[in-house]
Amino acid sequence: MARHAAQRLLLAVPVLFGVLLLGFLLMQVVPTDPATVRAGPTATPEVIAAIRTDLGLDRPLWEQFGRYLWRLAQGDLGVSIINNVAVTQELGATAGPTLELMLASLFWSIPLGILLGTLAAYWRGSVFDRAVMAFAVACATVPVFFLALLLIWFVGFKWQLLPFTGRGGPLWTLDGLKAVALPALALGGTLIGPVARMTRTAVLDVLGADHVRTARAKGLGERAVVLHHALRNALIPVVTLIGLQIGFLLGGAVVTETVFSWPGVGRLAVGAILSSDFPMAQGTILVLSLGFILVNLSVDMIYVALDPRVRAA
């Protein structure tokens, strides 16, 4: 398994380099000049030119990117153009809330999606099966921002059951759980549908396999057959799908954090891009990319643990 993980990490290096290069080039097409932003609206052209030289913006693009990679290799992500604070300090303060939001979203959506998909497969063709599939399609098609606005209007504003703005505290406190509830519901709601549909399809395929019929012929109970013989083998494609969907959740977290004013990396990225804060925007892109790569690496390791054939390859 260690060899498999090392191979995946080596493959992630060119992917990360490509993401950094693409993010760097995209920031160059932003119409706002970072030097003008730092200098202020009343600055003279001489002051703006001096700031451009100080920031290295007067150098060729290839040299700017090379200097950025060199600083990155030394652990230096730069300083924010807007508030003159180290990018690592801002990212350190926002990575925790984003991680809390992701964990809270996955904590309820994945088990519920697997449960609904398994029960729908076991009672195939029933009213419950049709209801689960209709619910899954609805969850997969409703945009995360629309679901977030619905939760804010009804649960937060009209019924006043839960707070809908900001972070109330760490996830292990009552105020923190109340504050993360609505963002986690909105973000995790988009994951239930794909997980339930994939679980139903995978469990249906496995329930007709020979080893499941053999287990039933030996007199095992239906619960043991479904949980230990059907669901375990059906989880292999489900885990792969979850890994891909978590990548989309990182993108959805940007929208969710913005709507709920959640102080995470996604909201920080939106603010940095809108204000042409190049160092901060590049730092957020790096963190989100690393998160996606680590999630896919974890999924690969879980896949190896579930399928011995991959471990032996």
C-alpha atoms as a PDB file:
ATOM      1  CA  MET A   1       0.000   0.000   0.000  1.00  0.00           C
ATOM      2  CA  ALA A   2       2.915   2.364   0.714  1.00  0.00           C
ATOM      3  CA  ARG A   3       4.228   1.801  -2.814  1.00  0.00           C
ATOM      4  CA  HIS A   4       0.800   2.541  -4.250  1.00  0.00           C
ATOM      5  CA  ALA A   5       0.599   5.771  -2.230  1.00  0.00           C
ATOM      6  CA  ALA A   6       4.079   6.839  -3.382  1.00  0.00           C
ATOM      7  CA  GLN A   7       3.109   6.279  -7.028  1.00  0.00           C
ATOM      8  CA  ARG A   8      -0.019   8.385  -6.592  1.00  0.00           C
ATOM      9  CA  LEU A   9       1.950  11.175  -4.959  1.00  0.00           C
ATOM     10  CA  LEU A  10       4.418  11.236  -7.864  1.00  0.00           C
ATOM     11  CA  LEU A  11       1.521  11.466 -10.316  1.00  0.00           C
ATOM     12  CA  ALA A  12       0.093  14.371  -8.328  1.00  0.00           C
ATOM     13  CA  VAL A  13       3.209  16.519  -8.809  1.00  0.00           C
ATOM     14  CA  PRO A  14       2.605  17.404 -12.507  1.00  0.00           C
ATOM     15  CA  VAL A  15      -1.093  17.897 -11.758  1.00  0.00           C
ATOM     16  CA  LEU A  16      -0.284  20.411  -9.035  1.00  0.00           C
ATOM     17  CA  PHE A  17       2.215  22.166 -11.306  1.00  0.00           C
ATOM     18  CA  GLY A  18      -0.439  22.464 -14.019  1.00  0.00           C
ATOM     19  CA  VAL A  19      -2.954  23.888 -11.559  1.00  0.00           C
ATOM     20  CA  LEU A  20      -0.441  26.466 -10.322  1.00  0.00           C
ATOM     21  CA  LEU A  21       0.441  27.477 -13.875  1.00  0.00           C
ATOM     22  CA  LEU A  22      -3.199  27.747 -14.929  1.00  0.00           C
ATOM     23  CA  GLY A  23      -4.109  29.743 -11.835  1.00  0.00           C
ATOM     24  CA  PHE A  24      -1.170  32.073 -12.399  1.00  0.00           C
ATOM     25  CA  LEU A  25      -2.133  32.689 -16.025  1.00  0.00           C
ATOM     26  CA  LEU A  26      -5.783  33.252 -15.186  1.00  0.00           C
ATOM     27  CA  MET A  27      -4.858  35.923 -12.657  1.00  0.00           C
ATOM     28  CA  GLN A  28      -2.993  37.779 -15.424  1.00  0.00           C
ATOM     29  CA  VAL A  29      -6.218  38.407 -17.373  1.00  0.00           C
ATOM     30  CA  VAL A  30      -7.877  40.188 -14.429  1.00  0.00           C
ATOM     31  CA  PRO A  31      -8.350  43.781 -15.631  1.00  0.00           C
ATOM     32  CA  THR A  32      -7.395  45.392 -12.311  1.00  0.00           C
ATOM     33  CA  ASP A  33      -3.719  46.199 -11.744  1.00  0.00           C
ATOM     34  CA  PRO A  34      -2.491  44.935  -8.334  1.00  0.00           C
ATOM     35  CA  ALA A  35      -0.031  47.824  -8.107  1.00  0.00           C
ATOM     36  CA  THR A  36      -2.873  50.317  -8.534  1.00  0.00           C
ATOM     37  CA  VAL A  37      -4.878  48.498  -5.860  1.00  0.00           C
ATOM     38  CA  ARG A  38      -2.025  48.701  -3.356  1.00  0.00           C
ATOM     39  CA  ALA A  39      -1.140  52.303  -4.214  1.00  0.00           C
ATOM     40  CA  GLY A  40      -4.683  53.580  -3.915  1.00  0.00           C
ATOM     41  CA  PRO A  41      -6.839  55.682  -6.274  1.00  0.00           C
ATOM     42  CA  THR A  42      -4.941  58.939  -5.634  1.00  0.00           C
ATOM     43  CA  ALA A  43      -1.441  57.576  -6.274  1.00  0.00           C
ATOM     44  CA  THR A  44       0.732  59.121  -8.946  1.00  0.00           C
ATOM     45  CA  PRO A  45       2.033  57.105 -11.918  1.00  0.00           C
ATOM     46  CA  GLU A  46       5.520  57.220 -10.439  1.00  0.00           C
ATOM     47  CA  VAL A  47       4.351  55.611  -7.205  1.00  0.00           C
ATOM     48  CA  ILE A  48       2.422  52.934  -9.132  1.00  0.00           C
ATOM     49  CA  ALA A  49       5.483  52.198 -11.274  1.00  0.00           C
ATOM     50  CA  ALA A  50       7.655  51.870  -8.160  1.00  0.00           C
ATOM     51  CA  ILE A  51       5.177  49.429  -6.596  1.00  0.00           C
ATOM     52  CA  ARG A  52       5.069  47.394  -9.816  1.00  0.00           C
ATOM     53  CA  THR A  53       8.834  47.129  -9.700  1.00  0.00           C
ATOM     54  CA  ASP A  54       8.768  46.176  -6.013  1.00  0.00           C
ATOM     55  CA  LEU A  55       6.168  43.456  -6.670  1.00  0.00           C
ATOM     56  CA  GLY A  56       8.045  42.201  -9.723  1.00  0.00           C
ATOM     57  CA  LEU A  57       5.099  42.874 -12.038  1.00  0.00           C
ATOM     58  CA  ASP A  58       7.346  44.586 -14.591  1.00  0.00           C
ATOM     59  CA  ARG A  59       9.226  41.350 -15.284  1.00  0.00           C
ATOM     60  CA  PRO A  60       8.292  38.803 -17.998  1.00  0.00           C
ATOM     61  CA  LEU A  61       5.560  36.317 -17.106  1.00  0.00           C
ATOM     62  CA  TRP A  62       7.893  33.337 -17.198  1.00  0.00           C
ATOM     63  CA  GLU A  63      10.214  35.029 -14.725  1.00  0.00           C
ATOM     64  CA  GLN A  64       7.324  36.006 -12.436  1.00  0.00           C
ATOM     65  CA  PHE A  65       6.098  32.399 -12.419  1.00  0.00           C
ATOM     66  CA  GLY A  66       9.602  31.068 -11.787  1.00  0.00           C
ATOM     67  CA  ARG A  67      10.108  33.433  -8.855  1.00  0.00           C
ATOM     68  CA  TYR A  68       6.702  32.403  -7.500  1.00  0.00           C
ATOM     69  CA  LEU A  69       7.640  28.699  -7.655  1.00  0.00           C
ATOM     70  CA  TRP A  70      10.970  29.427  -5.947  1.00  0.00           C
ATOM     71  CA  ARG A  71       9.261  31.251  -3.091  1.00  0.00           C
ATOM     72  CA  LEU A  72       6.682  28.495  -2.896  1.00  0.00           C
ATOM     73  CA  ALA A  73       9.418  25.864  -2.553  1.00  0.00           C
ATOM     74  CA  GLN A  74      10.723  27.828   0.439  1.00  0.00           C
ATOM     75  CA  GLY A  75       7.270  27.958   2.036  1.00  0.00           C
ATOM     76  CA  ASP A  76       6.771  31.636   1.244  1.00  0.00           C
ATOM     77  CA  LEU A  77       3.310  32.332  -0.212  1.00  0.00           C
ATOM     78  CA  GLY A  78       3.778  36.073  -0.190  1.00  0.00           C
ATOM     79  CA  VAL A  79       1.930  38.933   1.478  1.00  0.00           C
ATOM     80  CA  SER A  80      -1.605  40.090   0.771  1.00  0.00           C
ATOM     81  CA  ILE A  81      -1.762  43.202  -1.379  1.00  0.00           C
ATOM     82  CA  ILE A  82      -4.925  44.421   0.330  1.00  0.00           C
ATOM     83  CA  ASN A  83      -4.258  44.075   4.072  1.00  0.00           C
ATOM     84  CA  ASN A  84      -0.476  43.474   4.061  1.00  0.00           C
ATOM     85  CA  VAL A  85      -0.837  40.228   6.038  1.00  0.00           C
ATOM     86  CA  ALA A  86       1.080  37.033   5.265  1.00  0.00           C
ATOM     87  CA  VAL A  87      -0.914  34.684   3.041  1.00  0.00           C
ATOM     88  CA  THR A  88      -0.010  31.718   5.229  1.00  0.00           C
ATOM     89  CA  GLN A  89      -1.517  33.488   8.233  1.00  0.00           C
ATOM     90  CA  GLU A  90      -4.815  34.111   6.440  1.00  0.00           C
ATOM     91  CA  LEU A  91      -4.940  30.566   5.083  1.00  0.00           C
ATOM     92  CA  GLY A  92      -4.207  29.155   8.520  1.00  0.00           C
ATOM     93  CA  ALA A  93      -7.153  31.064   9.936  1.00  0.00           C
ATOM     94  CA  THR A  94      -9.580  29.983   7.181  1.00  0.00           C
ATOM     95  CA  ALA A  95      -8.533  26.371   6.499  1.00  0.00           C
ATOM     96  CA  GLY A  96     -10.020  25.162   9.797  1.00  0.00           C
ATOM     97  CA  PRO A  97     -13.557  26.477   9.140  1.00  0.00           C
ATOM     98  CA  THR A  98     -13.522  25.030   5.608  1.00  0.00           C
ATOM     99  CA  LEU A  99     -12.430  21.649   6.948  1.00  0.00           C
ATOM    100  CA  GLU A 100     -15.197  21.801   9.573  1.00  0.00           C
ATOM    101  CA  LEU A 101     -17.773  22.556   6.885  1.00  0.00           C
ATOM    102  CA  MET A 102     -16.586  19.687   4.693  1.00  0.00           C
ATOM    103  CA  LEU A 103     -16.571  17.185   7.582  1.00  0.00           C
ATOM    104  CA  ALA A 104     -20.015  18.268   8.749  1.00  0.00           C
ATOM    105  CA  SER A 105     -21.373  17.905   5.208  1.00  0.00           C
ATOM    106  CA  LEU A 106     -19.871  14.454   4.687  1.00  0.00           C
ATOM    107  CA  PHE A 107     -20.820  13.251   8.185  1.00  0.00           C
ATOM    108  CA  TRP A 108     -24.534  13.119   7.402  1.00  0.00           C
ATOM    109  CA  SER A 109     -24.778  12.998   3.603  1.00  0.00           C
ATOM    110  CA  ILE A 110     -22.633   9.925   2.840  1.00  0.00           C
ATOM    111  CA  PRO A 111     -24.222   7.536   5.406  1.00  0.00           C
ATOM    112  CA  LEU A 112     -27.714   8.717   4.440  1.00  0.00           C
ATOM    113  CA  GLY A 113     -27.008   8.341   0.718  1.00  0.00           C
ATOM    114  CA  ILE A 114     -25.589   4.813   1.179  1.00  0.00           C
ATOM    115  CA  LEU A 115     -28.522   3.836   3.415  1.00  0.00           C
ATOM    116  CA  LEU A 116     -31.147   5.112   0.983  1.00  0.00           C
ATOM    117  CA  GLY A 117     -29.433   3.484  -1.993  1.00  0.00           C
ATOM    118  CA  THR A 118     -29.101   0.129  -0.209  1.00  0.00           C
ATOM    119  CA  LEU A 119     -32.727   0.071   0.918  1.00  0.00           C
ATOM    120  CA  ALA A 120     -33.921   1.132  -2.540  1.00  0.00           C
ATOM    121  CA  ALA A 121     -31.941  -1.720  -4.114  1.00  0.00           C
ATOM    122  CA  TYR A 122     -33.277  -4.265  -1.615  1.00  0.00           C
ATOM    123  CA  TRP A 123     -36.883  -3.152  -2.199  1.00  0.00           C
ATOM    124  CA  ARG A 124     -36.444  -2.671  -5.929  1.00  0.00           C
ATOM    125  CA  GLY A 125     -39.564  -1.593  -7.768  1.00  0.00           C
ATOM    126  CA  SER A 126     -41.432  -0.571  -4.627  1.00  0.00           C
ATOM    127  CA  VAL A 127     -42.909   2.826  -3.816  1.00  0.00           C
ATOM    128  CA  PHE A 128     -39.944   3.450  -1.511  1.00  0.00           C
ATOM    129  CA  ASP A 129     -37.523   2.757  -4.374  1.00  0.00           C
ATOM    130  CA  ARG A 130     -39.279   5.231  -6.659  1.00  0.00           C
ATOM    131  CA  ALA A 131     -39.416   7.835  -3.893  1.00  0.00           C
ATOM    132  CA  VAL A 132     -35.677   7.478  -3.205  1.00  0.00           C
ATOM    133  CA  MET A 133     -34.820   7.813  -6.888  1.00  0.00           C
ATOM    134  CA  ALA A 134     -37.028  10.902  -7.232  1.00  0.00           C
ATOM    135  CA  PHE A 135     -35.377  12.402  -4.153  1.00  0.00           C
ATOM    136  CA  ALA A 136     -31.916  11.556  -5.523  1.00  0.00           C
ATOM    137  CA  VAL A 137     -32.648  13.222  -8.860  1.00  0.00           C
ATOM    138  CA  ALA A 138     -33.940  16.325  -7.071  1.00  0.00           C
ATOM    139  CA  CYS A 139     -30.833  16.543  -4.876  1.00  0.00           C
ATOM    140  CA  ALA A 140     -28.540  16.136  -7.877  1.00  0.00           C
ATOM    141  CA  THR A 141     -30.258  18.835  -9.953  1.00  0.00           C
ATOM    142  CA  VAL A 142     -30.928  21.562  -7.375  1.00  0.00           C
ATOM    143  CA  PRO A 143     -28.038  24.095  -7.337  1.00  0.00           C
ATOM    144  CA  VAL A 144     -26.298  24.474  -4.013  1.00  0.00           C
ATOM    145  CA  PHE A 145     -26.915  28.224  -3.879  1.00  0.00           C
ATOM    146  CA  PHE A 146     -30.681  27.731  -4.397  1.00  0.00           C
ATOM    147  CA  LEU A 147     -30.844  25.153  -1.610  1.00  0.00           C
ATOM    148  CA  ALA A 148     -28.792  27.474   0.605  1.00  0.00           C
ATOM    149  CA  LEU A 149     -31.165  30.381  -0.011  1.00  0.00           C
ATOM    150  CA  LEU A 150     -34.185  28.188   0.752  1.00  0.00           C
ATOM    151  CA  LEU A 151     -32.651  27.098   4.050  1.00  0.00           C
ATOM    152  CA  ILE A 152     -31.777  30.678   4.949  1.00  0.00           C
ATOM    153  CA  TRP A 153     -35.279  31.935   4.184  1.00  0.00           C
ATOM    154  CA  PHE A 154     -37.306  29.219   5.900  1.00  0.00           C
ATOM    155  CA  VAL A 155     -35.113  27.708   8.614  1.00  0.00           C
ATOM    156  CA  GLY A 156     -33.016  30.737   9.441  1.00  0.00           C
ATOM    157  CA  PHE A 157     -35.180  33.802   8.770  1.00  0.00           C
ATOM    158  CA  LYS A 158     -38.843  32.751   8.823  1.00  0.00           C
ATOM    159  CA  TRP A 159     -38.773  30.042  11.500  1.00  0.00           C
ATOM    160  CA  GLN A 160     -35.601  31.323  13.222  1.00  0.00           C
ATOM    161  CA  LEU A 161     -34.493  27.826  14.200  1.00  0.00           C
ATOM    162  CA  LEU A 162     -30.795  28.094  13.353  1.00  0.00           C
ATOM    163  CA  PRO A 163     -28.275  30.878  12.699  1.00  0.00           C
ATOM    164  CA  PHE A 164     -27.380  31.467   9.059  1.00  0.00           C
ATOM    165  CA  THR A 165     -24.506  33.962   9.138  1.00  0.00           C
ATOM    166  CA  GLY A 166     -20.923  33.393  10.182  1.00  0.00           C
ATOM    167  CA  ARG A 167     -19.250  30.767  12.343  1.00  0.00           C
ATOM    168  CA  GLY A 168     -20.395  30.314  15.920  1.00  0.00           C
ATOM    169  CA  GLY A 169     -17.277  28.585  17.188  1.00  0.00           C
ATOM    170  CA  PRO A 170     -15.397  25.266  16.948  1.00  0.00           C
ATOM    171  CA  LEU A 171     -17.277  22.259  15.663  1.00  0.00           C
ATOM    172  CA  TRP A 172     -17.235  20.506  19.041  1.00  0.00           C
ATOM    173  CA  THR A 173     -19.214  23.281  20.747  1.00  0.00           C
ATOM    174  CA  LEU A 174     -23.000  23.732  20.702  1.00  0.00           C
ATOM    175  CA  ASP A 175     -22.777  27.164  19.100  1.00  0.00           C
ATOM    176  CA  GLY A 176     -20.431  25.787  16.475  1.00  0.00           C
ATOM    177  CA  LEU A 177     -22.792  22.933  15.627  1.00  0.00           C
ATOM    178  CA  LYS A 178     -25.740  25.301  15.325  1.00  0.00           C
ATOM    179  CA  ALA A 179     -23.807  27.642  13.038  1.00  0.00           C
ATOM    180  CA  VAL A 180     -22.526  24.890  10.742  1.00  0.00           C
ATOM    181  CA  ALA A 181     -25.879  23.091  10.470  1.00  0.00           C
ATOM    182  CA  LEU A 182     -27.405  25.088   7.614  1.00  0.00           C
ATOM    183  CA  PRO A 183     -24.202  25.361   5.511  1.00  0.00           C
ATOM    184  CA  ALA A 184     -23.596  21.623   5.993  1.00  0.00           C
ATOM    185  CA  LEU A 185     -27.171  20.804   4.972  1.00  0.00           C
ATOM    186  CA  ALA A 186     -26.891  22.938   1.845  1.00  0.00           C
ATOM    187  CA  LEU A 187     -23.487  21.577   0.826  1.00  0.00           C
ATOM    188  CA  GLY A 188     -24.147  17.950   1.747  1.00  0.00           C
ATOM    189  CA  GLY A 189     -27.552  17.955   0.062  1.00  0.00           C
ATOM    190  CA  THR A 190     -25.888  17.932  -3.342  1.00  0.00           C
ATOM    191  CA  LEU A 191     -23.993  14.729  -2.461  1.00  0.00           C
ATOM    192  CA  ILE A 192     -26.912  12.528  -1.367  1.00  0.00           C
ATOM    193  CA  GLY A 193     -28.385  12.075  -4.840  1.00  0.00           C
ATOM    194  CA  PRO A 194     -25.294  10.742  -6.681  1.00  0.00           C
ATOM    195  CA  VAL A 195     -24.313   8.515  -3.727  1.00  0.00           C
ATOM    196  CA  ALA A 196     -27.812   7.025  -3.394  1.00  0.00           C
ATOM    197  CA  ARG A 197     -28.107   6.316  -7.124  1.00  0.00           C
ATOM    198  CA  MET A 198     -24.661   4.752  -7.399  1.00  0.00           C
ATOM    199  CA  THR A 199     -25.202   2.666  -4.248  1.00  0.00           C
ATOM    200  CA  ARG A 200     -28.534   1.374  -5.573  1.00  0.00           C
ATOM    201  CA  THR A 201     -26.993   0.383  -8.910  1.00  0.00           C
ATOM    202  CA  ALA A 202     -23.956  -1.277  -7.311  1.00  0.00           C
ATOM    203  CA  VAL A 203     -25.987  -3.182  -4.690  1.00  0.00           C
ATOM    204  CA  LEU A 204     -28.409  -4.416  -7.361  1.00  0.00           C
ATOM    205  CA  ASP A 205     -25.492  -5.833  -9.359  1.00  0.00           C
ATOM    206  CA  VAL A 206     -23.987  -7.544  -6.324  1.00  0.00           C
ATOM    207  CA  LEU A 207     -27.275  -8.974  -5.010  1.00  0.00           C
ATOM    208  CA  GLY A 208     -27.491 -11.136  -8.128  1.00  0.00           C
ATOM    209  CA  ALA A 209     -23.930 -12.449  -7.827  1.00  0.00           C
ATOM    210  CA  ASP A 210     -23.097 -16.077  -7.106  1.00  0.00           C
ATOM    211  CA  HIS A 211     -21.475 -15.477  -3.722  1.00  0.00           C
ATOM    212  CA  VAL A 212     -24.611 -13.711  -2.464  1.00  0.00           C
ATOM    213  CA  ARG A 213     -26.821 -16.610  -3.542  1.00  0.00           C
ATOM    214  CA  THR A 214     -24.392 -18.992  -1.855  1.00  0.00           C
ATOM    215  CA  ALA A 215     -24.549 -16.988   1.372  1.00  0.00           C
ATOM    216  CA  ARG A 216     -28.331 -17.148   1.326  1.00  0.00           C
ATOM    217  CA  ALA A 217     -28.223 -20.880   0.603  1.00  0.00           C
ATOM    218  CA  LYS A 218     -26.094 -21.358   3.726  1.00  0.00           C
ATOM    219  CA  GLY A 219     -28.920 -19.892   5.789  1.00  0.00           C
ATOM    220  CA  LEU A 220     -27.459 -16.472   6.593  1.00  0.00           C
ATOM    221  CA  GLY A 221     -29.940 -13.789   7.532  1.00  0.00           C
ATOM    222  CA  GLU A 222     -30.847 -11.060   5.080  1.00  0.00           C
ATOM    223  CA  ARG A 223     -29.141  -8.399   7.174  1.00  0.00           C
ATOM    224  CA  ALA A 224     -25.836 -10.280   7.163  1.00  0.00           C
ATOM    225  CA  VAL A 225     -26.140 -11.007   3.449  1.00  0.00           C
ATOM    226  CA  VAL A 226     -26.793  -7.383   2.535  1.00  0.00           C
ATOM    227  CA  LEU A 227     -24.256  -5.796   4.895  1.00  0.00           C
ATOM    228  CA  HIS A 228     -21.346  -8.250   4.757  1.00  0.00           C
ATOM    229  CA  HIS A 229     -21.651  -9.809   1.302  1.00  0.00           C
ATOM    230  CA  ALA A 230     -23.452  -7.284  -0.885  1.00  0.00           C
ATOM    231  CA  LEU A 231     -22.716  -3.829   0.469  1.00  0.00           C
ATOM    232  CA  ARG A 232     -18.981  -4.344   1.039  1.00  0.00           C
ATOM    233  CA  ASN A 233     -18.382  -5.256  -2.605  1.00  0.00           C
ATOM    234  CA  ALA A 234     -20.800  -2.590  -3.806  1.00  0.00           C
ATOM    235  CA  LEU A 235     -18.870   0.122  -1.950  1.00  0.00           C
ATOM    236  CA  ILE A 236     -15.959  -0.001  -4.394  1.00  0.00           C
ATOM    237  CA  PRO A 237     -17.609   2.109  -7.146  1.00  0.00           C
ATOM    238  CA  VAL A 238     -19.400   4.164  -4.486  1.00  0.00           C
ATOM    239  CA  VAL A 239     -16.089   5.167  -2.879  1.00  0.00           C
ATOM    240  CA  THR A 240     -14.763   6.205  -6.284  1.00  0.00           C
ATOM    241  CA  LEU A 241     -17.833   8.355  -6.877  1.00  0.00           C
ATOM    242  CA  ILE A 242     -17.560   9.916  -3.416  1.00  0.00           C
ATOM    243  CA  GLY A 243     -13.972  10.909  -4.126  1.00  0.00           C
ATOM    244  CA  LEU A 244     -15.017  12.654  -7.330  1.00  0.00           C
ATOM    245  CA  GLN A 245     -17.981  14.317  -5.637  1.00  0.00           C
ATOM    246  CA  ILE A 246     -15.829  15.624  -2.783  1.00  0.00           C
ATOM    247  CA  GLY A 247     -13.846  17.477  -5.429  1.00  0.00           C
ATOM    248  CA  PHE A 248     -17.077  19.116  -6.557  1.00  0.00           C
ATOM    249  CA  LEU A 249     -17.889  19.839  -2.910  1.00  0.00           C
ATOM    250  CA  LEU A 250     -14.724  21.921  -2.706  1.00  0.00           C
ATOM    251  CA  GLY A 251     -16.124  24.046  -5.516  1.00  0.00           C
ATOM    252  CA  GLY A 252     -19.526  24.100  -3.852  1.00  0.00           C
ATOM    253  CA  ALA A 253     -17.889  25.206  -0.615  1.00  0.00           C
ATOM    254  CA  VAL A 254     -16.871  28.438  -2.343  1.00  0.00           C
ATOM    255  CA  VAL A 255     -20.532  29.216  -3.059  1.00  0.00           C
ATOM    256  CA  THR A 256     -21.762  27.981   0.316  1.00  0.00           C
ATOM    257  CA  GLU A 257     -19.205  29.983   2.285  1.00  0.00           C
ATOM    258  CA  THR A 258     -20.070  33.106   0.317  1.00  0.00           C
ATOM    259  CA  VAL A 259     -23.830  32.727   0.820  1.00  0.00           C
ATOM    260  CA  PHE A 260     -23.573  31.958   4.538  1.00  0.00           C
ATOM    261  CA  SER A 261     -20.644  34.345   5.195  1.00  0.00           C
ATOM    262  CA  TRP A 262     -18.654  31.360   6.418  1.00  0.00           C
ATOM    263  CA  PRO A 263     -15.028  32.412   7.085  1.00  0.00           C
ATOM    264  CA  GLY A 264     -13.390  29.691   5.004  1.00  0.00           C
ATOM    265  CA  VAL A 265     -10.894  29.375   2.185  1.00  0.00           C
ATOM    266  CA  GLY A 266     -13.608  29.529  -0.490  1.00  0.00           C
ATOM    267  CA  ARG A 267     -14.920  32.889   0.694  1.00  0.00           C
ATOM    268  CA  LEU A 268     -11.347  34.131   1.006  1.00  0.00           C
ATOM    269  CA  ALA A 269     -10.663  33.046  -2.595  1.00  0.00           C
ATOM    270  CA  VAL A 270     -13.683  34.945  -3.930  1.00  0.00           C
ATOM    271  CA  GLY A 271     -12.661  38.111  -2.113  1.00  0.00           C
ATOM    272  CA  ALA A 272      -9.048  37.819  -3.259  1.00  0.00           C
ATOM    273  CA  ILE A 273      -9.998  37.343  -6.915  1.00  0.00           C
ATOM    274  CA  LEU A 274     -12.496  40.215  -6.892  1.00  0.00           C
ATOM    275  CA  SER A 275      -9.945  42.563  -5.311  1.00  0.00           C
ATOM    276  CA  SER A 276      -7.062  41.396  -7.563  1.00  0.00           C
ATOM    277  CA  ASP A 277      -5.061  40.226  -4.560  1.00  0.00           C
ATOM    278  CA  PHE A 278      -2.699  37.981  -6.547  1.00  0.00           C
ATOM    279  CA  PRO A 279      -0.738  36.386  -3.677  1.00  0.00           C
ATOM    280  CA  MET A 280      -3.888  35.607  -1.702  1.00  0.00           C
ATOM    281  CA  ALA A 281      -5.735  34.237  -4.730  1.00  0.00           C
ATOM    282  CA  GLN A 282      -2.801  32.009  -5.686  1.00  0.00           C
ATOM    283  CA  GLY A 283      -2.537  30.786  -2.097  1.00  0.00           C
ATOM    284  CA  THR A 284      -6.211  29.809  -1.969  1.00  0.00           C
ATOM    285  CA  ILE A 285      -5.925  28.038  -5.321  1.00  0.00           C
ATOM    286  CA  LEU A 286      -2.944  26.099  -3.973  1.00  0.00           C
ATOM    287  CA  VAL A 287      -4.807  25.044  -0.805  1.00  0.00           C
ATOM    288  CA  LEU A 288      -7.949  23.979  -2.690  1.00  0.00           C
ATOM    289  CA  SER A 289      -5.852  22.036  -5.209  1.00  0.00           C
ATOM    290  CA  LEU A 290      -3.925  20.271  -2.455  1.00  0.00           C
ATOM    291  CA  GLY A 291      -7.237  19.410  -0.784  1.00  0.00           C
ATOM    292  CA  PHE A 292      -8.533  17.846  -3.985  1.00  0.00           C
ATOM    293  CA  ILE A 293      -5.313  15.857  -4.474  1.00  0.00           C
ATOM    294  CA  LEU A 294      -5.309  14.595  -0.872  1.00  0.00           C
ATOM    295  CA  VAL A 295      -8.947  13.553  -1.154  1.00  0.00           C
ATOM    296  CA  ASN A 296      -8.241  11.552  -4.288  1.00  0.00           C
ATOM    297  CA  LEU A 297      -5.205   9.957  -2.634  1.00  0.00           C
ATOM    298  CA  SER A 298      -7.358   8.943   0.343  1.00  0.00           C
ATOM    299  CA  VAL A 299      -9.963   7.481  -2.009  1.00  0.00           C
ATOM    300  CA  ASP A 300      -7.267   5.452  -3.747  1.00  0.00           C
ATOM    301  CA  MET A 301      -6.111   4.063  -0.409  1.00  0.00           C
ATOM    302  CA  ILE A 302      -9.659   3.136   0.599  1.00  0.00           C
ATOM    303  CA  TYR A 303     -10.120   1.517  -2.806  1.00  0.00           C
ATOM    304  CA  VAL A 304      -7.010  -0.597  -2.226  1.00  0.00           C
ATOM    305  CA  ALA A 305      -8.309  -1.629   1.213  1.00  0.00           C
ATOM    306  CA  LEU A 306     -11.690  -2.660  -0.226  1.00  0.00           C
ATOM    307  CA  ASP A 307     -10.371  -4.470  -3.324  1.00  0.00           C
ATOM    308  CA  PRO A 308      -7.449  -6.874  -2.683  1.00  0.00           C
ATOM    309  CA  ARG A 309      -6.916  -7.223  -6.428  1.00  0.00           C
ATOM    310  CA  VAL A 310      -5.702  -3.613  -6.601  1.00  0.00           C
ATOM    311  CA  ARG A 311      -3.392  -4.266  -3.646  1.00  0.00           C
ATOM    312  CA  ALA A 312      -1.812  -7.193  -5.424  1.00  0.00           C
ATOM    313  CA  ALA A 313      -1.337  -5.366  -8.729  1.00  0.00           C
END
